[in-house]
């Protein structure tokens, strides 16, 4: 009986994993797809995908779009997301802060997070200038390509960073390889000074700013960022950085981080091998 029960539990767990894989695949594709296209895209058996799609449709998690069997994310996910946003202070408070930063600097302000082993923009407020960037909220990006990436992994040891980031993600958009040792040195320096700025590896005409948002225990749970035209970013470097840092200190304090933890965290970071 125990073996049968264990097998049933494992099957349900695999089914749940596959269901979330379907949802994430549709999120990344951002368009309705047929079940067979989903199965091909995630490398899963068609029979199991059809079964799971039908179950998710019945639950309102997926919805049919059109009359050719295509499905996309359902409205139930919207209501779940609304409930999440209402209870998650980081998301709610960031929305107000990003609006303030974008108005103060006229540049595009973002809040960024880790999702799995990737970086993603979770919220964004565009500035008032005509300049626009091509980044989309929710798109996964290789961590070494980003300014925020140097801060979001700073709580990890050197080996943990190497184990966490896929090796192929050290290949930059221009085809060059970023030496992992150089990246780790940049992580440690960014943690020491409390920010990281550079000319973007993704948008070649922009300069990116990132500062950490800490929760209790000095873990960087998010970053506040600015993306500016390169010339303007360098010209206004000090004022842009101060705008971000002031907002990040405010937000970190609301998440339970205290100034006393900064010195303790610096000692811990310095001791990591």
C-alpha atoms as a PDB file:
ATOM      1  CA  UNK A   1       0.000   0.000   0.000  1.00  0.00           C
ATOM      2  CA  UNK A   2       2.848   2.390   0.857  1.00  0.00           C
ATOM      3  CA  UNK A   3       4.504   1.828  -2.524  1.00  0.00           C
ATOM      4  CA  UNK A   4       1.223   2.517  -4.324  1.00  0.00           C
ATOM      5  CA  UNK A   5       0.690   5.656  -2.242  1.00  0.00           C
ATOM      6  CA  UNK A   6       4.234   6.873  -2.915  1.00  0.00           C
ATOM      7  CA  UNK A   7       3.822   6.254  -6.641  1.00  0.00           C
ATOM      8  CA  UNK A   8       0.564   8.212  -6.703  1.00  0.00           C
ATOM      9  CA  UNK A   9       2.193  11.093  -4.810  1.00  0.00           C
ATOM     10  CA  UNK A  10       5.118  11.165  -7.234  1.00  0.00           C
ATOM     11  CA  UNK A  11       2.785  11.156 -10.248  1.00  0.00           C
ATOM     12  CA  UNK A  12       0.801  14.046  -8.837  1.00  0.00           C
ATOM     13  CA  UNK A  13       3.984  15.988  -8.131  1.00  0.00           C
ATOM     14  CA  UNK A  14       5.212  15.432 -11.701  1.00  0.00           C
ATOM     15  CA  UNK A  15       1.824  16.522 -13.012  1.00  0.00           C
ATOM     16  CA  UNK A  16       1.957  19.694 -10.922  1.00  0.00           C
ATOM     17  CA  UNK A  17       5.474  20.436 -12.148  1.00  0.00           C
ATOM     18  CA  UNK A  18       4.308  19.942 -15.736  1.00  0.00           C
ATOM     19  CA  UNK A  19       1.286  22.197 -15.211  1.00  0.00           C
ATOM     20  CA  UNK A  20       3.506  25.038 -14.019  1.00  0.00           C
ATOM     21  CA  UNK A  21       5.825  24.363 -16.960  1.00  0.00           C
ATOM     22  CA  UNK A  22       2.850  24.887 -19.299  1.00  0.00           C
ATOM     23  CA  UNK A  23       1.908  28.154 -17.581  1.00  0.00           C
ATOM     24  CA  UNK A  24       5.461  29.471 -17.674  1.00  0.00           C
ATOM     25  CA  UNK A  25       5.881  28.500 -21.336  1.00  0.00           C
ATOM     26  CA  UNK A  26       2.747  30.443 -22.273  1.00  0.00           C
ATOM     27  CA  UNK A  27       3.920  33.392 -20.211  1.00  0.00           C
ATOM     28  CA  UNK A  28       7.203  33.502 -22.086  1.00  0.00           C
ATOM     29  CA  UNK A  29       5.593  33.002 -25.520  1.00  0.00           C
ATOM     30  CA  UNK A  30       2.960  35.676 -24.782  1.00  0.00           C
ATOM     31  CA  UNK A  31       0.501  34.246 -27.294  1.00  0.00           C
ATOM     32  CA  UNK A  32      -2.179  31.539 -27.439  1.00  0.00           C
ATOM     33  CA  UNK A  33      -0.905  28.118 -28.557  1.00  0.00           C
ATOM     34  CA  UNK A  34      -2.367  24.728 -29.386  1.00  0.00           C
ATOM     35  CA  UNK A  35      -1.677  21.895 -26.912  1.00  0.00           C
ATOM     36  CA  UNK A  36       0.496  20.114 -29.482  1.00  0.00           C
ATOM     37  CA  UNK A  37       2.601  23.293 -29.884  1.00  0.00           C
ATOM     38  CA  UNK A  38       3.018  23.461 -26.123  1.00  0.00           C
ATOM     39  CA  UNK A  39       4.007  19.793 -25.978  1.00  0.00           C
ATOM     40  CA  UNK A  40       6.605  20.331 -28.697  1.00  0.00           C
ATOM     41  CA  UNK A  41       7.907  23.488 -27.042  1.00  0.00           C
ATOM     42  CA  UNK A  42       8.521  21.933 -23.636  1.00  0.00           C
ATOM     43  CA  UNK A  43       9.411  18.468 -24.874  1.00  0.00           C
ATOM     44  CA  UNK A  44       6.506  16.664 -23.218  1.00  0.00           C
ATOM     45  CA  UNK A  45       4.184  13.850 -24.376  1.00  0.00           C
ATOM     46  CA  UNK A  46       1.146  15.215 -26.203  1.00  0.00           C
ATOM     47  CA  UNK A  47      -1.266  12.968 -24.323  1.00  0.00           C
ATOM     48  CA  UNK A  48      -0.240  14.341 -20.916  1.00  0.00           C
ATOM     49  CA  UNK A  49      -0.297  17.940 -22.167  1.00  0.00           C
ATOM     50  CA  UNK A  50      -3.811  17.551 -23.581  1.00  0.00           C
ATOM     51  CA  UNK A  51      -4.952  16.066 -20.256  1.00  0.00           C
ATOM     52  CA  UNK A  52      -3.385  18.864 -18.206  1.00  0.00           C
ATOM     53  CA  UNK A  53      -4.644  21.593 -20.543  1.00  0.00           C
ATOM     54  CA  UNK A  54      -8.200  20.297 -20.200  1.00  0.00           C
ATOM     55  CA  UNK A  55      -7.843  20.251 -16.402  1.00  0.00           C
ATOM     56  CA  UNK A  56      -6.443  23.782 -16.307  1.00  0.00           C
ATOM     57  CA  UNK A  57      -9.220  25.032 -18.600  1.00  0.00           C
ATOM     58  CA  UNK A  58     -11.858  23.518 -16.295  1.00  0.00           C
ATOM     59  CA  UNK A  59     -10.267  25.347 -13.370  1.00  0.00           C
ATOM     60  CA  UNK A  60     -10.169  28.671 -15.246  1.00  0.00           C
ATOM     61  CA  UNK A  61      -6.376  28.797 -15.116  1.00  0.00           C
ATOM     62  CA  UNK A  62      -6.251  28.508 -18.924  1.00  0.00           C
ATOM     63  CA  UNK A  63      -8.826  29.798 -21.406  1.00  0.00           C
ATOM     64  CA  UNK A  64      -9.531  28.915 -25.036  1.00  0.00           C
ATOM     65  CA  UNK A  65      -8.757  31.701 -27.489  1.00  0.00           C
ATOM     66  CA  UNK A  66     -10.453  31.462 -30.865  1.00  0.00           C
ATOM     67  CA  UNK A  67     -12.069  28.353 -32.333  1.00  0.00           C
ATOM     68  CA  UNK A  68      -8.949  26.407 -33.281  1.00  0.00           C
ATOM     69  CA  UNK A  69      -8.110  24.967 -29.859  1.00  0.00           C
ATOM     70  CA  UNK A  70      -5.509  27.533 -28.853  1.00  0.00           C
ATOM     71  CA  UNK A  71      -5.226  28.309 -25.148  1.00  0.00           C
ATOM     72  CA  UNK A  72      -3.692  31.080 -23.088  1.00  0.00           C
ATOM     73  CA  UNK A  73      -3.435  32.157 -19.462  1.00  0.00           C
ATOM     74  CA  UNK A  74      -6.860  32.507 -17.842  1.00  0.00           C
ATOM     75  CA  UNK A  75      -8.449  35.260 -15.837  1.00  0.00           C
ATOM     76  CA  UNK A  76      -8.178  33.264 -12.615  1.00  0.00           C
ATOM     77  CA  UNK A  77      -4.432  33.942 -12.725  1.00  0.00           C
ATOM     78  CA  UNK A  78      -5.194  37.663 -12.862  1.00  0.00           C
ATOM     79  CA  UNK A  79      -7.253  37.472  -9.678  1.00  0.00           C
ATOM     80  CA  UNK A  80      -4.595  35.353  -7.987  1.00  0.00           C
ATOM     81  CA  UNK A  81      -1.999  37.938  -9.004  1.00  0.00           C
ATOM     82  CA  UNK A  82      -4.130  40.738  -7.592  1.00  0.00           C
ATOM     83  CA  UNK A  83      -4.403  38.930  -4.265  1.00  0.00           C
ATOM     84  CA  UNK A  84      -0.628  38.390  -4.269  1.00  0.00           C
ATOM     85  CA  UNK A  85       0.055  42.073  -4.987  1.00  0.00           C
ATOM     86  CA  UNK A  86      -2.279  43.186  -2.191  1.00  0.00           C
ATOM     87  CA  UNK A  87      -0.352  41.198   0.399  1.00  0.00           C
ATOM     88  CA  UNK A  88       3.209  41.585  -0.902  1.00  0.00           C
ATOM     89  CA  UNK A  89       4.507  44.917   0.370  1.00  0.00           C
ATOM     90  CA  UNK A  90       7.518  44.889  -1.946  1.00  0.00           C
ATOM     91  CA  UNK A  91       5.366  45.032  -5.071  1.00  0.00           C
ATOM     92  CA  UNK A  92       2.922  47.601  -3.722  1.00  0.00           C
ATOM     93  CA  UNK A  93       5.526  49.944  -2.298  1.00  0.00           C
ATOM     94  CA  UNK A  94       7.775  49.674  -5.350  1.00  0.00           C
ATOM     95  CA  UNK A  95       5.012  50.912  -7.632  1.00  0.00           C
ATOM     96  CA  UNK A  96       4.870  54.258  -5.806  1.00  0.00           C
ATOM     97  CA  UNK A  97       8.642  54.578  -5.561  1.00  0.00           C
ATOM     98  CA  UNK A  98       9.219  53.827  -9.244  1.00  0.00           C
ATOM     99  CA  UNK A  99       6.696  56.495 -10.204  1.00  0.00           C
ATOM    100  CA  UNK A 100       8.560  59.016  -8.027  1.00  0.00           C
ATOM    101  CA  UNK A 101      11.972  58.019  -9.438  1.00  0.00           C
ATOM    102  CA  UNK A 102      10.770  58.210 -13.047  1.00  0.00           C
ATOM    103  CA  UNK A 103       9.242  61.644 -12.462  1.00  0.00           C
ATOM    104  CA  UNK A 104      12.331  62.929 -10.659  1.00  0.00           C
ATOM    105  CA  UNK A 105      14.866  61.722 -13.238  1.00  0.00           C
ATOM    106  CA  UNK A 106      12.700  61.542 -16.389  1.00  0.00           C
ATOM    107  CA  UNK A 107      14.340  58.148 -17.025  1.00  0.00           C
ATOM    108  CA  UNK A 108      12.917  54.610 -17.078  1.00  0.00           C
ATOM    109  CA  UNK A 109      12.762  53.167 -13.555  1.00  0.00           C
ATOM    110  CA  UNK A 110      12.547  49.444 -12.824  1.00  0.00           C
ATOM    111  CA  UNK A 111      12.290  46.964  -9.971  1.00  0.00           C
ATOM    112  CA  UNK A 112      14.134  43.745 -10.754  1.00  0.00           C
ATOM    113  CA  UNK A 113      14.234  40.277  -9.202  1.00  0.00           C
ATOM    114  CA  UNK A 114      15.697  36.830  -9.627  1.00  0.00           C
ATOM    115  CA  UNK A 115      13.392  34.252 -11.170  1.00  0.00           C
ATOM    116  CA  UNK A 116      15.044  30.875 -11.018  1.00  0.00           C
ATOM    117  CA  UNK A 117      18.563  31.352 -12.338  1.00  0.00           C
ATOM    118  CA  UNK A 118      17.606  34.392 -14.439  1.00  0.00           C
ATOM    119  CA  UNK A 119      17.102  38.111 -13.931  1.00  0.00           C
ATOM    120  CA  UNK A 120      13.763  39.691 -14.742  1.00  0.00           C
ATOM    121  CA  UNK A 121      12.132  43.120 -14.643  1.00  0.00           C
ATOM    122  CA  UNK A 122       9.152  42.810 -12.286  1.00  0.00           C
ATOM    123  CA  UNK A 123       7.852  46.397 -12.538  1.00  0.00           C
ATOM    124  CA  UNK A 124       8.670  49.339 -14.789  1.00  0.00           C
ATOM    125  CA  UNK A 125       7.739  52.999 -15.080  1.00  0.00           C
ATOM    126  CA  UNK A 126       8.807  54.755 -18.250  1.00  0.00           C
ATOM    127  CA  UNK A 127      10.276  58.237 -18.051  1.00  0.00           C
ATOM    128  CA  UNK A 128       8.863  61.337 -19.720  1.00  0.00           C
ATOM    129  CA  UNK A 129      11.540  61.641 -22.404  1.00  0.00           C
ATOM    130  CA  UNK A 130      10.920  60.165 -25.912  1.00  0.00           C
ATOM    131  CA  UNK A 131      13.670  57.588 -25.302  1.00  0.00           C
ATOM    132  CA  UNK A 132      12.322  54.035 -24.899  1.00  0.00           C
ATOM    133  CA  UNK A 133      13.988  50.731 -24.056  1.00  0.00           C
ATOM    134  CA  UNK A 134      13.033  47.327 -25.437  1.00  0.00           C
ATOM    135  CA  UNK A 135      13.048  45.342 -22.162  1.00  0.00           C
ATOM    136  CA  UNK A 136       9.735  43.720 -21.273  1.00  0.00           C
ATOM    137  CA  UNK A 137       8.432  43.056 -17.793  1.00  0.00           C
ATOM    138  CA  UNK A 138       8.798  39.364 -17.025  1.00  0.00           C
ATOM    139  CA  UNK A 139      11.322  38.464 -19.732  1.00  0.00           C
ATOM    140  CA  UNK A 140      14.138  36.228 -18.370  1.00  0.00           C
ATOM    141  CA  UNK A 141      17.659  37.583 -18.959  1.00  0.00           C
ATOM    142  CA  UNK A 142      21.053  36.077 -18.160  1.00  0.00           C
ATOM    143  CA  UNK A 143      22.270  37.410 -14.797  1.00  0.00           C
ATOM    144  CA  UNK A 144      25.802  38.377 -15.977  1.00  0.00           C
ATOM    145  CA  UNK A 145      24.287  40.648 -18.656  1.00  0.00           C
ATOM    146  CA  UNK A 146      22.784  42.983 -16.063  1.00  0.00           C
ATOM    147  CA  UNK A 147      23.860  45.561 -13.489  1.00  0.00           C
ATOM    148  CA  UNK A 148      21.330  44.132 -11.027  1.00  0.00           C
ATOM    149  CA  UNK A 149      22.818  40.675 -11.369  1.00  0.00           C
ATOM    150  CA  UNK A 150      25.941  41.803  -9.505  1.00  0.00           C
ATOM    151  CA  UNK A 151      23.787  42.643  -6.481  1.00  0.00           C
ATOM    152  CA  UNK A 152      21.153  39.916  -6.552  1.00  0.00           C
ATOM    153  CA  UNK A 153      23.701  37.109  -6.068  1.00  0.00           C
ATOM    154  CA  UNK A 154      25.949  38.955  -3.608  1.00  0.00           C
ATOM    155  CA  UNK A 155      24.715  36.898  -0.625  1.00  0.00           C
ATOM    156  CA  UNK A 156      26.062  33.711  -2.247  1.00  0.00           C
ATOM    157  CA  UNK A 157      29.557  32.303  -1.923  1.00  0.00           C
ATOM    158  CA  UNK A 158      31.775  32.247  -4.993  1.00  0.00           C
ATOM    159  CA  UNK A 159      31.080  28.558  -5.602  1.00  0.00           C
ATOM    160  CA  UNK A 160      27.365  29.028  -5.064  1.00  0.00           C
ATOM    161  CA  UNK A 161      27.376  31.728  -7.748  1.00  0.00           C
ATOM    162  CA  UNK A 162      29.173  29.448 -10.215  1.00  0.00           C
ATOM    163  CA  UNK A 163      26.767  26.598  -9.468  1.00  0.00           C
ATOM    164  CA  UNK A 164      23.722  28.878  -9.725  1.00  0.00           C
ATOM    165  CA  UNK A 165      24.377  30.671 -13.030  1.00  0.00           C
ATOM    166  CA  UNK A 166      24.288  28.481 -16.177  1.00  0.00           C
ATOM    167  CA  UNK A 167      27.724  28.426 -17.800  1.00  0.00           C
ATOM    168  CA  UNK A 168      26.350  29.545 -21.153  1.00  0.00           C
ATOM    169  CA  UNK A 169      24.979  32.734 -19.564  1.00  0.00           C
ATOM    170  CA  UNK A 170      28.511  34.100 -19.301  1.00  0.00           C
ATOM    171  CA  UNK A 171      28.470  34.525 -23.080  1.00  0.00           C
ATOM    172  CA  UNK A 172      27.483  38.162 -23.603  1.00  0.00           C
ATOM    173  CA  UNK A 173      25.090  39.353 -26.340  1.00  0.00           C
ATOM    174  CA  UNK A 174      28.060  40.404 -28.498  1.00  0.00           C
ATOM    175  CA  UNK A 175      29.403  36.844 -28.419  1.00  0.00           C
ATOM    176  CA  UNK A 176      32.277  37.535 -26.037  1.00  0.00           C
ATOM    177  CA  UNK A 177      32.746  35.437 -22.891  1.00  0.00           C
ATOM    178  CA  UNK A 178      32.757  37.132 -19.502  1.00  0.00           C
ATOM    179  CA  UNK A 179      35.319  35.505 -17.235  1.00  0.00           C
ATOM    180  CA  UNK A 180      33.375  34.191 -14.200  1.00  0.00           C
ATOM    181  CA  UNK A 181      36.236  35.342 -11.954  1.00  0.00           C
ATOM    182  CA  UNK A 182      35.810  38.891 -13.275  1.00  0.00           C
ATOM    183  CA  UNK A 183      32.069  38.701 -12.681  1.00  0.00           C
ATOM    184  CA  UNK A 184      32.565  37.503  -9.086  1.00  0.00           C
ATOM    185  CA  UNK A 185      35.037  40.336  -8.450  1.00  0.00           C
ATOM    186  CA  UNK A 186      32.410  42.778  -9.723  1.00  0.00           C
ATOM    187  CA  UNK A 187      29.804  41.158  -7.434  1.00  0.00           C
ATOM    188  CA  UNK A 188      32.026  41.660  -4.391  1.00  0.00           C
ATOM    189  CA  UNK A 189      32.830  45.262  -5.299  1.00  0.00           C
ATOM    190  CA  UNK A 190      29.157  46.057  -5.947  1.00  0.00           C
ATOM    191  CA  UNK A 191      28.262  44.599  -2.541  1.00  0.00           C
ATOM    192  CA  UNK A 192      30.989  46.668  -0.874  1.00  0.00           C
ATOM    193  CA  UNK A 193      29.987  50.038  -2.368  1.00  0.00           C
ATOM    194  CA  UNK A 194      26.239  49.332  -2.455  1.00  0.00           C
ATOM    195  CA  UNK A 195      25.501  49.841  -6.151  1.00  0.00           C
ATOM    196  CA  UNK A 196      26.558  48.882  -9.669  1.00  0.00           C
ATOM    197  CA  UNK A 197      26.446  50.931 -12.861  1.00  0.00           C
ATOM    198  CA  UNK A 198      27.686  50.177 -16.346  1.00  0.00           C
ATOM    199  CA  UNK A 199      27.057  50.581 -20.065  1.00  0.00           C
ATOM    200  CA  UNK A 200      24.417  47.959 -20.782  1.00  0.00           C
ATOM    201  CA  UNK A 201      25.467  44.673 -22.365  1.00  0.00           C
ATOM    202  CA  UNK A 202      21.963  44.306 -23.833  1.00  0.00           C
ATOM    203  CA  UNK A 203      21.038  47.857 -24.905  1.00  0.00           C
ATOM    204  CA  UNK A 204      24.321  49.169 -26.319  1.00  0.00           C
ATOM    205  CA  UNK A 205      23.257  52.836 -26.188  1.00  0.00           C
ATOM    206  CA  UNK A 206      22.170  52.867 -22.532  1.00  0.00           C
ATOM    207  CA  UNK A 207      23.765  53.255 -19.127  1.00  0.00           C
ATOM    208  CA  UNK A 208      22.247  51.175 -16.317  1.00  0.00           C
ATOM    209  CA  UNK A 209      22.111  51.886 -12.585  1.00  0.00           C
ATOM    210  CA  UNK A 210      21.194  49.319  -9.909  1.00  0.00           C
ATOM    211  CA  UNK A 211      20.993  49.550  -6.121  1.00  0.00           C
ATOM    212  CA  UNK A 212      20.001  46.775  -3.692  1.00  0.00           C
ATOM    213  CA  UNK A 213      16.764  46.445  -1.751  1.00  0.00           C
ATOM    214  CA  UNK A 214      17.456  44.477   1.428  1.00  0.00           C
ATOM    215  CA  UNK A 215      15.180  42.542   3.728  1.00  0.00           C
ATOM    216  CA  UNK A 216      16.049  41.685   7.323  1.00  0.00           C
ATOM    217  CA  UNK A 217      19.322  39.796   7.372  1.00  0.00           C
ATOM    218  CA  UNK A 218      20.834  41.899   4.571  1.00  0.00           C
ATOM    219  CA  UNK A 219      19.687  39.663   1.742  1.00  0.00           C
ATOM    220  CA  UNK A 220      19.215  41.550  -1.522  1.00  0.00           C
ATOM    221  CA  UNK A 221      15.663  40.576  -2.503  1.00  0.00           C
ATOM    222  CA  UNK A 222      15.329  43.068  -5.365  1.00  0.00           C
ATOM    223  CA  UNK A 223      17.009  46.000  -7.046  1.00  0.00           C
ATOM    224  CA  UNK A 224      15.827  49.455  -8.035  1.00  0.00           C
ATOM    225  CA  UNK A 225      17.202  50.439 -11.418  1.00  0.00           C
ATOM    226  CA  UNK A 226      17.419  53.283 -13.898  1.00  0.00           C
ATOM    227  CA  UNK A 227      17.991  52.862 -17.612  1.00  0.00           C
ATOM    228  CA  UNK A 228      19.114  56.061 -19.310  1.00  0.00           C
ATOM    229  CA  UNK A 229      20.658  57.090 -22.631  1.00  0.00           C
ATOM    230  CA  UNK A 230      24.383  56.579 -22.157  1.00  0.00           C
ATOM    231  CA  UNK A 231      25.359  60.243 -22.435  1.00  0.00           C
ATOM    232  CA  UNK A 232      22.660  61.387 -19.988  1.00  0.00           C
ATOM    233  CA  UNK A 233      23.428  58.580 -17.570  1.00  0.00           C
ATOM    234  CA  UNK A 234      27.074  59.582 -17.356  1.00  0.00           C
ATOM    235  CA  UNK A 235      26.263  63.297 -17.164  1.00  0.00           C
ATOM    236  CA  UNK A 236      23.778  62.848 -14.308  1.00  0.00           C
ATOM    237  CA  UNK A 237      25.469  59.876 -12.683  1.00  0.00           C
ATOM    238  CA  UNK A 238      25.600  61.234  -9.132  1.00  0.00           C
ATOM    239  CA  UNK A 239      22.047  62.590  -8.998  1.00  0.00           C
ATOM    240  CA  UNK A 240      20.532  59.488 -10.612  1.00  0.00           C
ATOM    241  CA  UNK A 241      22.371  57.216  -8.205  1.00  0.00           C
ATOM    242  CA  UNK A 242      21.263  59.277  -5.200  1.00  0.00           C
ATOM    243  CA  UNK A 243      17.620  59.122  -6.303  1.00  0.00           C
ATOM    244  CA  UNK A 244      17.806  55.325  -6.445  1.00  0.00           C
ATOM    245  CA  UNK A 245      19.713  54.962  -3.192  1.00  0.00           C
ATOM    246  CA  UNK A 246      17.304  57.151  -1.237  1.00  0.00           C
ATOM    247  CA  UNK A 247      14.345  55.089  -2.489  1.00  0.00           C
ATOM    248  CA  UNK A 248      16.109  51.775  -1.803  1.00  0.00           C
ATOM    249  CA  UNK A 249      16.980  52.754   1.780  1.00  0.00           C
ATOM    250  CA  UNK A 250      13.348  53.725   2.372  1.00  0.00           C
ATOM    251  CA  UNK A 251      12.028  50.482   0.897  1.00  0.00           C
ATOM    252  CA  UNK A 252      14.579  48.311   2.720  1.00  0.00           C
ATOM    253  CA  UNK A 253      13.607  49.830   6.063  1.00  0.00           C
ATOM    254  CA  UNK A 254       9.965  48.948   5.391  1.00  0.00           C
ATOM    255  CA  UNK A 255      11.024  45.345   4.756  1.00  0.00           C
ATOM    256  CA  UNK A 256      12.712  45.108   8.164  1.00  0.00           C
ATOM    257  CA  UNK A 257      16.306  45.921   7.207  1.00  0.00           C
ATOM    258  CA  UNK A 258      18.189  48.124   9.666  1.00  0.00           C
ATOM    259  CA  UNK A 259      21.312  50.202   9.173  1.00  0.00           C
ATOM    260  CA  UNK A 260      23.067  48.141  11.871  1.00  0.00           C
ATOM    261  CA  UNK A 261      22.974  45.123   9.558  1.00  0.00           C
ATOM    262  CA  UNK A 262      25.076  46.837   6.886  1.00  0.00           C
ATOM    263  CA  UNK A 263      28.327  46.520   8.780  1.00  0.00           C
ATOM    264  CA  UNK A 264      27.574  42.945   9.809  1.00  0.00           C
ATOM    265  CA  UNK A 265      26.718  42.034   6.238  1.00  0.00           C
ATOM    266  CA  UNK A 266      29.918  43.561   4.943  1.00  0.00           C
ATOM    267  CA  UNK A 267      31.924  41.403   7.355  1.00  0.00           C
ATOM    268  CA  UNK A 268      30.050  38.274   6.241  1.00  0.00           C
ATOM    269  CA  UNK A 269      30.562  39.095   2.549  1.00  0.00           C
ATOM    270  CA  UNK A 270      34.246  39.722   3.047  1.00  0.00           C
ATOM    271  CA  UNK A 271      34.648  36.286   4.594  1.00  0.00           C
ATOM    272  CA  UNK A 272      33.130  34.385   1.685  1.00  0.00           C
ATOM    273  CA  UNK A 273      35.534  32.338  -0.425  1.00  0.00           C
END
